[in-house]
Amino acid sequence: LRIPFRAIDGQLDSHGCTVMVGRPY
């Protein structure tokens, strides 16, 4: 089961990064 996400505030390796979850598949 994969839960995709993408950064919407910052980069994934930065402190406090916010992500938006995509559609699971």
PDBML (XML) file of the C-alpha atoms, coordinates in Angstrom:
<?xml version="1.0" encoding="UTF-8" ?>
<PDBx:datablock datablockName="MODEL"
   xmlns:PDBx="http://pdbml.pdb.org/schema/pdbx-v50.xsd"
   xmlns:xsi="http://www.w3.org/2001/XMLSchema-instance"
   xsi:schemaLocation="http://pdbml.pdb.org/schema/pdbx-v50.xsd pdbx-v50.xsd">
   <PDBx:atom_siteCategory>
      <PDBx:atom_site id="1">
         <PDBx:B_iso_or_equiv>0.00</PDBx:B_iso_or_equiv>
         <PDBx:Cartn_x>0.000</PDBx:Cartn_x>
         <PDBx:Cartn_y>0.000</PDBx:Cartn_y>
         <PDBx:Cartn_z>0.000</PDBx:Cartn_z>
         <PDBx:auth_asym_id>A</PDBx:auth_asym_id>
         <PDBx:auth_atom_id>CA</PDBx:auth_atom_id>
         <PDBx:auth_comp_id>LEU</PDBx:auth_comp_id>
         <PDBx:auth_seq_id>1</PDBx:auth_seq_id>
         <PDBx:group_PDB>ATOM</PDBx:group_PDB>
         <PDBx:label_alt_id xsi:nil="true" />
         <PDBx:label_asym_id>A</PDBx:label_asym_id>
         <PDBx:label_atom_id>CA</PDBx:label_atom_id>
         <PDBx:label_comp_id>LEU</PDBx:label_comp_id>
         <PDBx:label_entity_id>1</PDBx:label_entity_id>
         <PDBx:label_seq_id>1</PDBx:label_seq_id>
         <PDBx:occupancy>1.00</PDBx:occupancy>
         <PDBx:pdbx_PDB_model_num>1</PDBx:pdbx_PDB_model_num>
         <PDBx:type_symbol>C</PDBx:type_symbol>
      </PDBx:atom_site>
      <PDBx:atom_site id="2">
         <PDBx:B_iso_or_equiv>0.00</PDBx:B_iso_or_equiv>
         <PDBx:Cartn_x>1.642</PDBx:Cartn_x>
         <PDBx:Cartn_y>3.261</PDBx:Cartn_y>
         <PDBx:Cartn_z>-1.052</PDBx:Cartn_z>
         <PDBx:auth_asym_id>A</PDBx:auth_asym_id>
         <PDBx:auth_atom_id>CA</PDBx:auth_atom_id>
         <PDBx:auth_comp_id>ARG</PDBx:auth_comp_id>
         <PDBx:auth_seq_id>2</PDBx:auth_seq_id>
         <PDBx:group_PDB>ATOM</PDBx:group_PDB>
         <PDBx:label_alt_id xsi:nil="true" />
         <PDBx:label_asym_id>A</PDBx:label_asym_id>
         <PDBx:label_atom_id>CA</PDBx:label_atom_id>
         <PDBx:label_comp_id>ARG</PDBx:label_comp_id>
         <PDBx:label_entity_id>1</PDBx:label_entity_id>
         <PDBx:label_seq_id>2</PDBx:label_seq_id>
         <PDBx:occupancy>1.00</PDBx:occupancy>
         <PDBx:pdbx_PDB_model_num>1</PDBx:pdbx_PDB_model_num>
         <PDBx:type_symbol>C</PDBx:type_symbol>
      </PDBx:atom_site>
      <PDBx:atom_site id="3">
         <PDBx:B_iso_or_equiv>0.00</PDBx:B_iso_or_equiv>
         <PDBx:Cartn_x>0.724</PDBx:Cartn_x>
         <PDBx:Cartn_y>6.644</PDBx:Cartn_y>
         <PDBx:Cartn_z>0.391</PDBx:Cartn_z>
         <PDBx:auth_asym_id>A</PDBx:auth_asym_id>
         <PDBx:auth_atom_id>CA</PDBx:auth_atom_id>
         <PDBx:auth_comp_id>ILE</PDBx:auth_comp_id>
         <PDBx:auth_seq_id>3</PDBx:auth_seq_id>
         <PDBx:group_PDB>ATOM</PDBx:group_PDB>
         <PDBx:label_alt_id xsi:nil="true" />
         <PDBx:label_asym_id>A</PDBx:label_asym_id>
         <PDBx:label_atom_id>CA</PDBx:label_atom_id>
         <PDBx:label_comp_id>ILE</PDBx:label_comp_id>
         <PDBx:label_entity_id>1</PDBx:label_entity_id>
         <PDBx:label_seq_id>3</PDBx:label_seq_id>
         <PDBx:occupancy>1.00</PDBx:occupancy>
         <PDBx:pdbx_PDB_model_num>1</PDBx:pdbx_PDB_model_num>
         <PDBx:type_symbol>C</PDBx:type_symbol>
      </PDBx:atom_site>
      <PDBx:atom_site id="4">
         <PDBx:B_iso_or_equiv>0.00</PDBx:B_iso_or_equiv>
         <PDBx:Cartn_x>2.201</PDBx:Cartn_x>
         <PDBx:Cartn_y>9.327</PDBx:Cartn_y>
         <PDBx:Cartn_z>-1.881</PDBx:Cartn_z>
         <PDBx:auth_asym_id>A</PDBx:auth_asym_id>
         <PDBx:auth_atom_id>CA</PDBx:auth_atom_id>
         <PDBx:auth_comp_id>PRO</PDBx:auth_comp_id>
         <PDBx:auth_seq_id>4</PDBx:auth_seq_id>
         <PDBx:group_PDB>ATOM</PDBx:group_PDB>
         <PDBx:label_alt_id xsi:nil="true" />
         <PDBx:label_asym_id>A</PDBx:label_asym_id>
         <PDBx:label_atom_id>CA</PDBx:label_atom_id>
         <PDBx:label_comp_id>PRO</PDBx:label_comp_id>
         <PDBx:label_entity_id>1</PDBx:label_entity_id>
         <PDBx:label_seq_id>4</PDBx:label_seq_id>
         <PDBx:occupancy>1.00</PDBx:occupancy>
         <PDBx:pdbx_PDB_model_num>1</PDBx:pdbx_PDB_model_num>
         <PDBx:type_symbol>C</PDBx:type_symbol>
      </PDBx:atom_site>
      <PDBx:atom_site id="5">
         <PDBx:B_iso_or_equiv>0.00</PDBx:B_iso_or_equiv>
         <PDBx:Cartn_x>2.921</PDBx:Cartn_x>
         <PDBx:Cartn_y>12.844</PDBx:Cartn_y>
         <PDBx:Cartn_z>-0.667</PDBx:Cartn_z>
         <PDBx:auth_asym_id>A</PDBx:auth_asym_id>
         <PDBx:auth_atom_id>CA</PDBx:auth_atom_id>
         <PDBx:auth_comp_id>PHE</PDBx:auth_comp_id>
         <PDBx:auth_seq_id>5</PDBx:auth_seq_id>
         <PDBx:group_PDB>ATOM</PDBx:group_PDB>
         <PDBx:label_alt_id xsi:nil="true" />
         <PDBx:label_asym_id>A</PDBx:label_asym_id>
         <PDBx:label_atom_id>CA</PDBx:label_atom_id>
         <PDBx:label_comp_id>PHE</PDBx:label_comp_id>
         <PDBx:label_entity_id>1</PDBx:label_entity_id>
         <PDBx:label_seq_id>5</PDBx:label_seq_id>
         <PDBx:occupancy>1.00</PDBx:occupancy>
         <PDBx:pdbx_PDB_model_num>1</PDBx:pdbx_PDB_model_num>
         <PDBx:type_symbol>C</PDBx:type_symbol>
      </PDBx:atom_site>
      <PDBx:atom_site id="6">
         <PDBx:B_iso_or_equiv>0.00</PDBx:B_iso_or_equiv>
         <PDBx:Cartn_x>4.483</PDBx:Cartn_x>
         <PDBx:Cartn_y>16.015</PDBx:Cartn_y>
         <PDBx:Cartn_z>-1.982</PDBx:Cartn_z>
         <PDBx:auth_asym_id>A</PDBx:auth_asym_id>
         <PDBx:auth_atom_id>CA</PDBx:auth_atom_id>
         <PDBx:auth_comp_id>ARG</PDBx:auth_comp_id>
         <PDBx:auth_seq_id>6</PDBx:auth_seq_id>
         <PDBx:group_PDB>ATOM</PDBx:group_PDB>
         <PDBx:label_alt_id xsi:nil="true" />
         <PDBx:label_asym_id>A</PDBx:label_asym_id>
         <PDBx:label_atom_id>CA</PDBx:label_atom_id>
         <PDBx:label_comp_id>ARG</PDBx:label_comp_id>
         <PDBx:label_entity_id>1</PDBx:label_entity_id>
         <PDBx:label_seq_id>6</PDBx:label_seq_id>
         <PDBx:occupancy>1.00</PDBx:occupancy>
         <PDBx:pdbx_PDB_model_num>1</PDBx:pdbx_PDB_model_num>
         <PDBx:type_symbol>C</PDBx:type_symbol>
      </PDBx:atom_site>
      <PDBx:atom_site id="7">
         <PDBx:B_iso_or_equiv>0.00</PDBx:B_iso_or_equiv>
         <PDBx:Cartn_x>6.088</PDBx:Cartn_x>
         <PDBx:Cartn_y>18.936</PDBx:Cartn_y>
         <PDBx:Cartn_z>-0.219</PDBx:Cartn_z>
         <PDBx:auth_asym_id>A</PDBx:auth_asym_id>
         <PDBx:auth_atom_id>CA</PDBx:auth_atom_id>
         <PDBx:auth_comp_id>ALA</PDBx:auth_comp_id>
         <PDBx:auth_seq_id>7</PDBx:auth_seq_id>
         <PDBx:group_PDB>ATOM</PDBx:group_PDB>
         <PDBx:label_alt_id xsi:nil="true" />
         <PDBx:label_asym_id>A</PDBx:label_asym_id>
         <PDBx:label_atom_id>CA</PDBx:label_atom_id>
         <PDBx:label_comp_id>ALA</PDBx:label_comp_id>
         <PDBx:label_entity_id>1</PDBx:label_entity_id>
         <PDBx:label_seq_id>7</PDBx:label_seq_id>
         <PDBx:occupancy>1.00</PDBx:occupancy>
         <PDBx:pdbx_PDB_model_num>1</PDBx:pdbx_PDB_model_num>
         <PDBx:type_symbol>C</PDBx:type_symbol>
      </PDBx:atom_site>
      <PDBx:atom_site id="8">
         <PDBx:B_iso_or_equiv>0.00</PDBx:B_iso_or_equiv>
         <PDBx:Cartn_x>3.997</PDBx:Cartn_x>
         <PDBx:Cartn_y>22.103</PDBx:Cartn_y>
         <PDBx:Cartn_z>-0.106</PDBx:Cartn_z>
         <PDBx:auth_asym_id>A</PDBx:auth_asym_id>
         <PDBx:auth_atom_id>CA</PDBx:auth_atom_id>
         <PDBx:auth_comp_id>ILE</PDBx:auth_comp_id>
         <PDBx:auth_seq_id>8</PDBx:auth_seq_id>
         <PDBx:group_PDB>ATOM</PDBx:group_PDB>
         <PDBx:label_alt_id xsi:nil="true" />
         <PDBx:label_asym_id>A</PDBx:label_asym_id>
         <PDBx:label_atom_id>CA</PDBx:label_atom_id>
         <PDBx:label_comp_id>ILE</PDBx:label_comp_id>
         <PDBx:label_entity_id>1</PDBx:label_entity_id>
         <PDBx:label_seq_id>8</PDBx:label_seq_id>
         <PDBx:occupancy>1.00</PDBx:occupancy>
         <PDBx:pdbx_PDB_model_num>1</PDBx:pdbx_PDB_model_num>
         <PDBx:type_symbol>C</PDBx:type_symbol>
      </PDBx:atom_site>
      <PDBx:atom_site id="9">
         <PDBx:B_iso_or_equiv>0.00</PDBx:B_iso_or_equiv>
         <PDBx:Cartn_x>6.136</PDBx:Cartn_x>
         <PDBx:Cartn_y>24.035</PDBx:Cartn_y>
         <PDBx:Cartn_z>2.370</PDBx:Cartn_z>
         <PDBx:auth_asym_id>A</PDBx:auth_asym_id>
         <PDBx:auth_atom_id>CA</PDBx:auth_atom_id>
         <PDBx:auth_comp_id>ASP</PDBx:auth_comp_id>
         <PDBx:auth_seq_id>9</PDBx:auth_seq_id>
         <PDBx:group_PDB>ATOM</PDBx:group_PDB>
         <PDBx:label_alt_id xsi:nil="true" />
         <PDBx:label_asym_id>A</PDBx:label_asym_id>
         <PDBx:label_atom_id>CA</PDBx:label_atom_id>
         <PDBx:label_comp_id>ASP</PDBx:label_comp_id>
         <PDBx:label_entity_id>1</PDBx:label_entity_id>
         <PDBx:label_seq_id>9</PDBx:label_seq_id>
         <PDBx:occupancy>1.00</PDBx:occupancy>
         <PDBx:pdbx_PDB_model_num>1</PDBx:pdbx_PDB_model_num>
         <PDBx:type_symbol>C</PDBx:type_symbol>
      </PDBx:atom_site>
      <PDBx:atom_site id="10">
         <PDBx:B_iso_or_equiv>0.00</PDBx:B_iso_or_equiv>
         <PDBx:Cartn_x>9.885</PDBx:Cartn_x>
         <PDBx:Cartn_y>23.427</PDBx:Cartn_y>
         <PDBx:Cartn_z>2.316</PDBx:Cartn_z>
         <PDBx:auth_asym_id>A</PDBx:auth_asym_id>
         <PDBx:auth_atom_id>CA</PDBx:auth_atom_id>
         <PDBx:auth_comp_id>GLY</PDBx:auth_comp_id>
         <PDBx:auth_seq_id>10</PDBx:auth_seq_id>
         <PDBx:group_PDB>ATOM</PDBx:group_PDB>
         <PDBx:label_alt_id xsi:nil="true" />
         <PDBx:label_asym_id>A</PDBx:label_asym_id>
         <PDBx:label_atom_id>CA</PDBx:label_atom_id>
         <PDBx:label_comp_id>GLY</PDBx:label_comp_id>
         <PDBx:label_entity_id>1</PDBx:label_entity_id>
         <PDBx:label_seq_id>10</PDBx:label_seq_id>
         <PDBx:occupancy>1.00</PDBx:occupancy>
         <PDBx:pdbx_PDB_model_num>1</PDBx:pdbx_PDB_model_num>
         <PDBx:type_symbol>C</PDBx:type_symbol>
      </PDBx:atom_site>
      <PDBx:atom_site id="11">
         <PDBx:B_iso_or_equiv>0.00</PDBx:B_iso_or_equiv>
         <PDBx:Cartn_x>11.849</PDBx:Cartn_x>
         <PDBx:Cartn_y>20.424</PDBx:Cartn_y>
         <PDBx:Cartn_z>1.092</PDBx:Cartn_z>
         <PDBx:auth_asym_id>A</PDBx:auth_asym_id>
         <PDBx:auth_atom_id>CA</PDBx:auth_atom_id>
         <PDBx:auth_comp_id>GLN</PDBx:auth_comp_id>
         <PDBx:auth_seq_id>11</PDBx:auth_seq_id>
         <PDBx:group_PDB>ATOM</PDBx:group_PDB>
         <PDBx:label_alt_id xsi:nil="true" />
         <PDBx:label_asym_id>A</PDBx:label_asym_id>
         <PDBx:label_atom_id>CA</PDBx:label_atom_id>
         <PDBx:label_comp_id>GLN</PDBx:label_comp_id>
         <PDBx:label_entity_id>1</PDBx:label_entity_id>
         <PDBx:label_seq_id>11</PDBx:label_seq_id>
         <PDBx:occupancy>1.00</PDBx:occupancy>
         <PDBx:pdbx_PDB_model_num>1</PDBx:pdbx_PDB_model_num>
         <PDBx:type_symbol>C</PDBx:type_symbol>
      </PDBx:atom_site>
      <PDBx:atom_site id="12">
         <PDBx:B_iso_or_equiv>0.00</PDBx:B_iso_or_equiv>
         <PDBx:Cartn_x>11.458</PDBx:Cartn_x>
         <PDBx:Cartn_y>16.921</PDBx:Cartn_y>
         <PDBx:Cartn_z>2.486</PDBx:Cartn_z>
         <PDBx:auth_asym_id>A</PDBx:auth_asym_id>
         <PDBx:auth_atom_id>CA</PDBx:auth_atom_id>
         <PDBx:auth_comp_id>LEU</PDBx:auth_comp_id>
         <PDBx:auth_seq_id>12</PDBx:auth_seq_id>
         <PDBx:group_PDB>ATOM</PDBx:group_PDB>
         <PDBx:label_alt_id xsi:nil="true" />
         <PDBx:label_asym_id>A</PDBx:label_asym_id>
         <PDBx:label_atom_id>CA</PDBx:label_atom_id>
         <PDBx:label_comp_id>LEU</PDBx:label_comp_id>
         <PDBx:label_entity_id>1</PDBx:label_entity_id>
         <PDBx:label_seq_id>12</PDBx:label_seq_id>
         <PDBx:occupancy>1.00</PDBx:occupancy>
         <PDBx:pdbx_PDB_model_num>1</PDBx:pdbx_PDB_model_num>
         <PDBx:type_symbol>C</PDBx:type_symbol>
      </PDBx:atom_site>
      <PDBx:atom_site id="13">
         <PDBx:B_iso_or_equiv>0.00</PDBx:B_iso_or_equiv>
         <PDBx:Cartn_x>14.863</PDBx:Cartn_x>
         <PDBx:Cartn_y>17.036</PDBx:Cartn_y>
         <PDBx:Cartn_z>4.155</PDBx:Cartn_z>
         <PDBx:auth_asym_id>A</PDBx:auth_asym_id>
         <PDBx:auth_atom_id>CA</PDBx:auth_atom_id>
         <PDBx:auth_comp_id>ASP</PDBx:auth_comp_id>
         <PDBx:auth_seq_id>13</PDBx:auth_seq_id>
         <PDBx:group_PDB>ATOM</PDBx:group_PDB>
         <PDBx:label_alt_id xsi:nil="true" />
         <PDBx:label_asym_id>A</PDBx:label_asym_id>
         <PDBx:label_atom_id>CA</PDBx:label_atom_id>
         <PDBx:label_comp_id>ASP</PDBx:label_comp_id>
         <PDBx:label_entity_id>1</PDBx:label_entity_id>
         <PDBx:label_seq_id>13</PDBx:label_seq_id>
         <PDBx:occupancy>1.00</PDBx:occupancy>
         <PDBx:pdbx_PDB_model_num>1</PDBx:pdbx_PDB_model_num>
         <PDBx:type_symbol>C</PDBx:type_symbol>
      </PDBx:atom_site>
      <PDBx:atom_site id="14">
         <PDBx:B_iso_or_equiv>0.00</PDBx:B_iso_or_equiv>
         <PDBx:Cartn_x>14.211</PDBx:Cartn_x>
         <PDBx:Cartn_y>20.384</PDBx:Cartn_y>
         <PDBx:Cartn_z>5.888</PDBx:Cartn_z>
         <PDBx:auth_asym_id>A</PDBx:auth_asym_id>
         <PDBx:auth_atom_id>CA</PDBx:auth_atom_id>
         <PDBx:auth_comp_id>SER</PDBx:auth_comp_id>
         <PDBx:auth_seq_id>14</PDBx:auth_seq_id>
         <PDBx:group_PDB>ATOM</PDBx:group_PDB>
         <PDBx:label_alt_id xsi:nil="true" />
         <PDBx:label_asym_id>A</PDBx:label_asym_id>
         <PDBx:label_atom_id>CA</PDBx:label_atom_id>
         <PDBx:label_comp_id>SER</PDBx:label_comp_id>
         <PDBx:label_entity_id>1</PDBx:label_entity_id>
         <PDBx:label_seq_id>14</PDBx:label_seq_id>
         <PDBx:occupancy>1.00</PDBx:occupancy>
         <PDBx:pdbx_PDB_model_num>1</PDBx:pdbx_PDB_model_num>
         <PDBx:type_symbol>C</PDBx:type_symbol>
      </PDBx:atom_site>
      <PDBx:atom_site id="15">
         <PDBx:B_iso_or_equiv>0.00</PDBx:B_iso_or_equiv>
         <PDBx:Cartn_x>12.905</PDBx:Cartn_x>
         <PDBx:Cartn_y>20.880</PDBx:Cartn_y>
         <PDBx:Cartn_z>9.423</PDBx:Cartn_z>
         <PDBx:auth_asym_id>A</PDBx:auth_asym_id>
         <PDBx:auth_atom_id>CA</PDBx:auth_atom_id>
         <PDBx:auth_comp_id>HIS</PDBx:auth_comp_id>
         <PDBx:auth_seq_id>15</PDBx:auth_seq_id>
         <PDBx:group_PDB>ATOM</PDBx:group_PDB>
         <PDBx:label_alt_id xsi:nil="true" />
         <PDBx:label_asym_id>A</PDBx:label_asym_id>
         <PDBx:label_atom_id>CA</PDBx:label_atom_id>
         <PDBx:label_comp_id>HIS</PDBx:label_comp_id>
         <PDBx:label_entity_id>1</PDBx:label_entity_id>
         <PDBx:label_seq_id>15</PDBx:label_seq_id>
         <PDBx:occupancy>1.00</PDBx:occupancy>
         <PDBx:pdbx_PDB_model_num>1</PDBx:pdbx_PDB_model_num>
         <PDBx:type_symbol>C</PDBx:type_symbol>
      </PDBx:atom_site>
      <PDBx:atom_site id="16">
         <PDBx:B_iso_or_equiv>0.00</PDBx:B_iso_or_equiv>
         <PDBx:Cartn_x>9.177</PDBx:Cartn_x>
         <PDBx:Cartn_y>21.662</PDBx:Cartn_y>
         <PDBx:Cartn_z>9.574</PDBx:Cartn_z>
         <PDBx:auth_asym_id>A</PDBx:auth_asym_id>
         <PDBx:auth_atom_id>CA</PDBx:auth_atom_id>
         <PDBx:auth_comp_id>GLY</PDBx:auth_comp_id>
         <PDBx:auth_seq_id>16</PDBx:auth_seq_id>
         <PDBx:group_PDB>ATOM</PDBx:group_PDB>
         <PDBx:label_alt_id xsi:nil="true" />
         <PDBx:label_asym_id>A</PDBx:label_asym_id>
         <PDBx:label_atom_id>CA</PDBx:label_atom_id>
         <PDBx:label_comp_id>GLY</PDBx:label_comp_id>
         <PDBx:label_entity_id>1</PDBx:label_entity_id>
         <PDBx:label_seq_id>16</PDBx:label_seq_id>
         <PDBx:occupancy>1.00</PDBx:occupancy>
         <PDBx:pdbx_PDB_model_num>1</PDBx:pdbx_PDB_model_num>
         <PDBx:type_symbol>C</PDBx:type_symbol>
      </PDBx:atom_site>
      <PDBx:atom_site id="17">
         <PDBx:B_iso_or_equiv>0.00</PDBx:B_iso_or_equiv>
         <PDBx:Cartn_x>8.355</PDBx:Cartn_x>
         <PDBx:Cartn_y>20.535</PDBx:Cartn_y>
         <PDBx:Cartn_z>6.024</PDBx:Cartn_z>
         <PDBx:auth_asym_id>A</PDBx:auth_asym_id>
         <PDBx:auth_atom_id>CA</PDBx:auth_atom_id>
         <PDBx:auth_comp_id>CYS</PDBx:auth_comp_id>
         <PDBx:auth_seq_id>17</PDBx:auth_seq_id>
         <PDBx:group_PDB>ATOM</PDBx:group_PDB>
         <PDBx:label_alt_id xsi:nil="true" />
         <PDBx:label_asym_id>A</PDBx:label_asym_id>
         <PDBx:label_atom_id>CA</PDBx:label_atom_id>
         <PDBx:label_comp_id>CYS</PDBx:label_comp_id>
         <PDBx:label_entity_id>1</PDBx:label_entity_id>
         <PDBx:label_seq_id>17</PDBx:label_seq_id>
         <PDBx:occupancy>1.00</PDBx:occupancy>
         <PDBx:pdbx_PDB_model_num>1</PDBx:pdbx_PDB_model_num>
         <PDBx:type_symbol>C</PDBx:type_symbol>
      </PDBx:atom_site>
      <PDBx:atom_site id="18">
         <PDBx:B_iso_or_equiv>0.00</PDBx:B_iso_or_equiv>
         <PDBx:Cartn_x>4.626</PDBx:Cartn_x>
         <PDBx:Cartn_y>20.306</PDBx:Cartn_y>
         <PDBx:Cartn_z>5.342</PDBx:Cartn_z>
         <PDBx:auth_asym_id>A</PDBx:auth_asym_id>
         <PDBx:auth_atom_id>CA</PDBx:auth_atom_id>
         <PDBx:auth_comp_id>THR</PDBx:auth_comp_id>
         <PDBx:auth_seq_id>18</PDBx:auth_seq_id>
         <PDBx:group_PDB>ATOM</PDBx:group_PDB>
         <PDBx:label_alt_id xsi:nil="true" />
         <PDBx:label_asym_id>A</PDBx:label_asym_id>
         <PDBx:label_atom_id>CA</PDBx:label_atom_id>
         <PDBx:label_comp_id>THR</PDBx:label_comp_id>
         <PDBx:label_entity_id>1</PDBx:label_entity_id>
         <PDBx:label_seq_id>18</PDBx:label_seq_id>
         <PDBx:occupancy>1.00</PDBx:occupancy>
         <PDBx:pdbx_PDB_model_num>1</PDBx:pdbx_PDB_model_num>
         <PDBx:type_symbol>C</PDBx:type_symbol>
      </PDBx:atom_site>
      <PDBx:atom_site id="19">
         <PDBx:B_iso_or_equiv>0.00</PDBx:B_iso_or_equiv>
         <PDBx:Cartn_x>3.338</PDBx:Cartn_x>
         <PDBx:Cartn_y>17.740</PDBx:Cartn_y>
         <PDBx:Cartn_z>2.863</PDBx:Cartn_z>
         <PDBx:auth_asym_id>A</PDBx:auth_asym_id>
         <PDBx:auth_atom_id>CA</PDBx:auth_atom_id>
         <PDBx:auth_comp_id>VAL</PDBx:auth_comp_id>
         <PDBx:auth_seq_id>19</PDBx:auth_seq_id>
         <PDBx:group_PDB>ATOM</PDBx:group_PDB>
         <PDBx:label_alt_id xsi:nil="true" />
         <PDBx:label_asym_id>A</PDBx:label_asym_id>
         <PDBx:label_atom_id>CA</PDBx:label_atom_id>
         <PDBx:label_comp_id>VAL</PDBx:label_comp_id>
         <PDBx:label_entity_id>1</PDBx:label_entity_id>
         <PDBx:label_seq_id>19</PDBx:label_seq_id>
         <PDBx:occupancy>1.00</PDBx:occupancy>
         <PDBx:pdbx_PDB_model_num>1</PDBx:pdbx_PDB_model_num>
         <PDBx:type_symbol>C</PDBx:type_symbol>
      </PDBx:atom_site>
      <PDBx:atom_site id="20">
         <PDBx:B_iso_or_equiv>0.00</PDBx:B_iso_or_equiv>
         <PDBx:Cartn_x>0.072</PDBx:Cartn_x>
         <PDBx:Cartn_y>17.064</PDBx:Cartn_y>
         <PDBx:Cartn_z>1.079</PDBx:Cartn_z>
         <PDBx:auth_asym_id>A</PDBx:auth_asym_id>
         <PDBx:auth_atom_id>CA</PDBx:auth_atom_id>
         <PDBx:auth_comp_id>MET</PDBx:auth_comp_id>
         <PDBx:auth_seq_id>20</PDBx:auth_seq_id>
         <PDBx:group_PDB>ATOM</PDBx:group_PDB>
         <PDBx:label_alt_id xsi:nil="true" />
         <PDBx:label_asym_id>A</PDBx:label_asym_id>
         <PDBx:label_atom_id>CA</PDBx:label_atom_id>
         <PDBx:label_comp_id>MET</PDBx:label_comp_id>
         <PDBx:label_entity_id>1</PDBx:label_entity_id>
         <PDBx:label_seq_id>20</PDBx:label_seq_id>
         <PDBx:occupancy>1.00</PDBx:occupancy>
         <PDBx:pdbx_PDB_model_num>1</PDBx:pdbx_PDB_model_num>
         <PDBx:type_symbol>C</PDBx:type_symbol>
      </PDBx:atom_site>
      <PDBx:atom_site id="21">
         <PDBx:B_iso_or_equiv>0.00</PDBx:B_iso_or_equiv>
         <PDBx:Cartn_x>-1.051</PDBx:Cartn_x>
         <PDBx:Cartn_y>13.438</PDBx:Cartn_y>
         <PDBx:Cartn_z>0.910</PDBx:Cartn_z>
         <PDBx:auth_asym_id>A</PDBx:auth_asym_id>
         <PDBx:auth_atom_id>CA</PDBx:auth_atom_id>
         <PDBx:auth_comp_id>VAL</PDBx:auth_comp_id>
         <PDBx:auth_seq_id>21</PDBx:auth_seq_id>
         <PDBx:group_PDB>ATOM</PDBx:group_PDB>
         <PDBx:label_alt_id xsi:nil="true" />
         <PDBx:label_asym_id>A</PDBx:label_asym_id>
         <PDBx:label_atom_id>CA</PDBx:label_atom_id>
         <PDBx:label_comp_id>VAL</PDBx:label_comp_id>
         <PDBx:label_entity_id>1</PDBx:label_entity_id>
         <PDBx:label_seq_id>21</PDBx:label_seq_id>
         <PDBx:occupancy>1.00</PDBx:occupancy>
         <PDBx:pdbx_PDB_model_num>1</PDBx:pdbx_PDB_model_num>
         <PDBx:type_symbol>C</PDBx:type_symbol>
      </PDBx:atom_site>
      <PDBx:atom_site id="22">
         <PDBx:B_iso_or_equiv>0.00</PDBx:B_iso_or_equiv>
         <PDBx:Cartn_x>-2.085</PDBx:Cartn_x>
         <PDBx:Cartn_y>12.027</PDBx:Cartn_y>
         <PDBx:Cartn_z>-2.467</PDBx:Cartn_z>
         <PDBx:auth_asym_id>A</PDBx:auth_asym_id>
         <PDBx:auth_atom_id>CA</PDBx:auth_atom_id>
         <PDBx:auth_comp_id>GLY</PDBx:auth_comp_id>
         <PDBx:auth_seq_id>22</PDBx:auth_seq_id>
         <PDBx:group_PDB>ATOM</PDBx:group_PDB>
         <PDBx:label_alt_id xsi:nil="true" />
         <PDBx:label_asym_id>A</PDBx:label_asym_id>
         <PDBx:label_atom_id>CA</PDBx:label_atom_id>
         <PDBx:label_comp_id>GLY</PDBx:label_comp_id>
         <PDBx:label_entity_id>1</PDBx:label_entity_id>
         <PDBx:label_seq_id>22</PDBx:label_seq_id>
         <PDBx:occupancy>1.00</PDBx:occupancy>
         <PDBx:pdbx_PDB_model_num>1</PDBx:pdbx_PDB_model_num>
         <PDBx:type_symbol>C</PDBx:type_symbol>
      </PDBx:atom_site>
      <PDBx:atom_site id="23">
         <PDBx:B_iso_or_equiv>0.00</PDBx:B_iso_or_equiv>
         <PDBx:Cartn_x>-4.463</PDBx:Cartn_x>
         <PDBx:Cartn_y>9.187</PDBx:Cartn_y>
         <PDBx:Cartn_z>-3.297</PDBx:Cartn_z>
         <PDBx:auth_asym_id>A</PDBx:auth_asym_id>
         <PDBx:auth_atom_id>CA</PDBx:auth_atom_id>
         <PDBx:auth_comp_id>ARG</PDBx:auth_comp_id>
         <PDBx:auth_seq_id>23</PDBx:auth_seq_id>
         <PDBx:group_PDB>ATOM</PDBx:group_PDB>
         <PDBx:label_alt_id xsi:nil="true" />
         <PDBx:label_asym_id>A</PDBx:label_asym_id>
         <PDBx:label_atom_id>CA</PDBx:label_atom_id>
         <PDBx:label_comp_id>ARG</PDBx:label_comp_id>
         <PDBx:label_entity_id>1</PDBx:label_entity_id>
         <PDBx:label_seq_id>23</PDBx:label_seq_id>
         <PDBx:occupancy>1.00</PDBx:occupancy>
         <PDBx:pdbx_PDB_model_num>1</PDBx:pdbx_PDB_model_num>
         <PDBx:type_symbol>C</PDBx:type_symbol>
      </PDBx:atom_site>
      <PDBx:atom_site id="24">
         <PDBx:B_iso_or_equiv>0.00</PDBx:B_iso_or_equiv>
         <PDBx:Cartn_x>-3.361</PDBx:Cartn_x>
         <PDBx:Cartn_y>5.871</PDBx:Cartn_y>
         <PDBx:Cartn_z>-1.740</PDBx:Cartn_z>
         <PDBx:auth_asym_id>A</PDBx:auth_asym_id>
         <PDBx:auth_atom_id>CA</PDBx:auth_atom_id>
         <PDBx:auth_comp_id>PRO</PDBx:auth_comp_id>
         <PDBx:auth_seq_id>24</PDBx:auth_seq_id>
         <PDBx:group_PDB>ATOM</PDBx:group_PDB>
         <PDBx:label_alt_id xsi:nil="true" />
         <PDBx:label_asym_id>A</PDBx:label_asym_id>
         <PDBx:label_atom_id>CA</PDBx:label_atom_id>
         <PDBx:label_comp_id>PRO</PDBx:label_comp_id>
         <PDBx:label_entity_id>1</PDBx:label_entity_id>
         <PDBx:label_seq_id>24</PDBx:label_seq_id>
         <PDBx:occupancy>1.00</PDBx:occupancy>
         <PDBx:pdbx_PDB_model_num>1</PDBx:pdbx_PDB_model_num>
         <PDBx:type_symbol>C</PDBx:type_symbol>
      </PDBx:atom_site>
      <PDBx:atom_site id="25">
         <PDBx:B_iso_or_equiv>0.00</PDBx:B_iso_or_equiv>
         <PDBx:Cartn_x>-2.835</PDBx:Cartn_x>
         <PDBx:Cartn_y>2.973</PDBx:Cartn_y>
         <PDBx:Cartn_z>-4.102</PDBx:Cartn_z>
         <PDBx:auth_asym_id>A</PDBx:auth_asym_id>
         <PDBx:auth_atom_id>CA</PDBx:auth_atom_id>
         <PDBx:auth_comp_id>TYR</PDBx:auth_comp_id>
         <PDBx:auth_seq_id>25</PDBx:auth_seq_id>
         <PDBx:group_PDB>ATOM</PDBx:group_PDB>
         <PDBx:label_alt_id xsi:nil="true" />
         <PDBx:label_asym_id>A</PDBx:label_asym_id>
         <PDBx:label_atom_id>CA</PDBx:label_atom_id>
         <PDBx:label_comp_id>TYR</PDBx:label_comp_id>
         <PDBx:label_entity_id>1</PDBx:label_entity_id>
         <PDBx:label_seq_id>25</PDBx:label_seq_id>
         <PDBx:occupancy>1.00</PDBx:occupancy>
         <PDBx:pdbx_PDB_model_num>1</PDBx:pdbx_PDB_model_num>
         <PDBx:type_symbol>C</PDBx:type_symbol>
      </PDBx:atom_site>
   </PDBx:atom_siteCategory>
</PDBx:datablock>
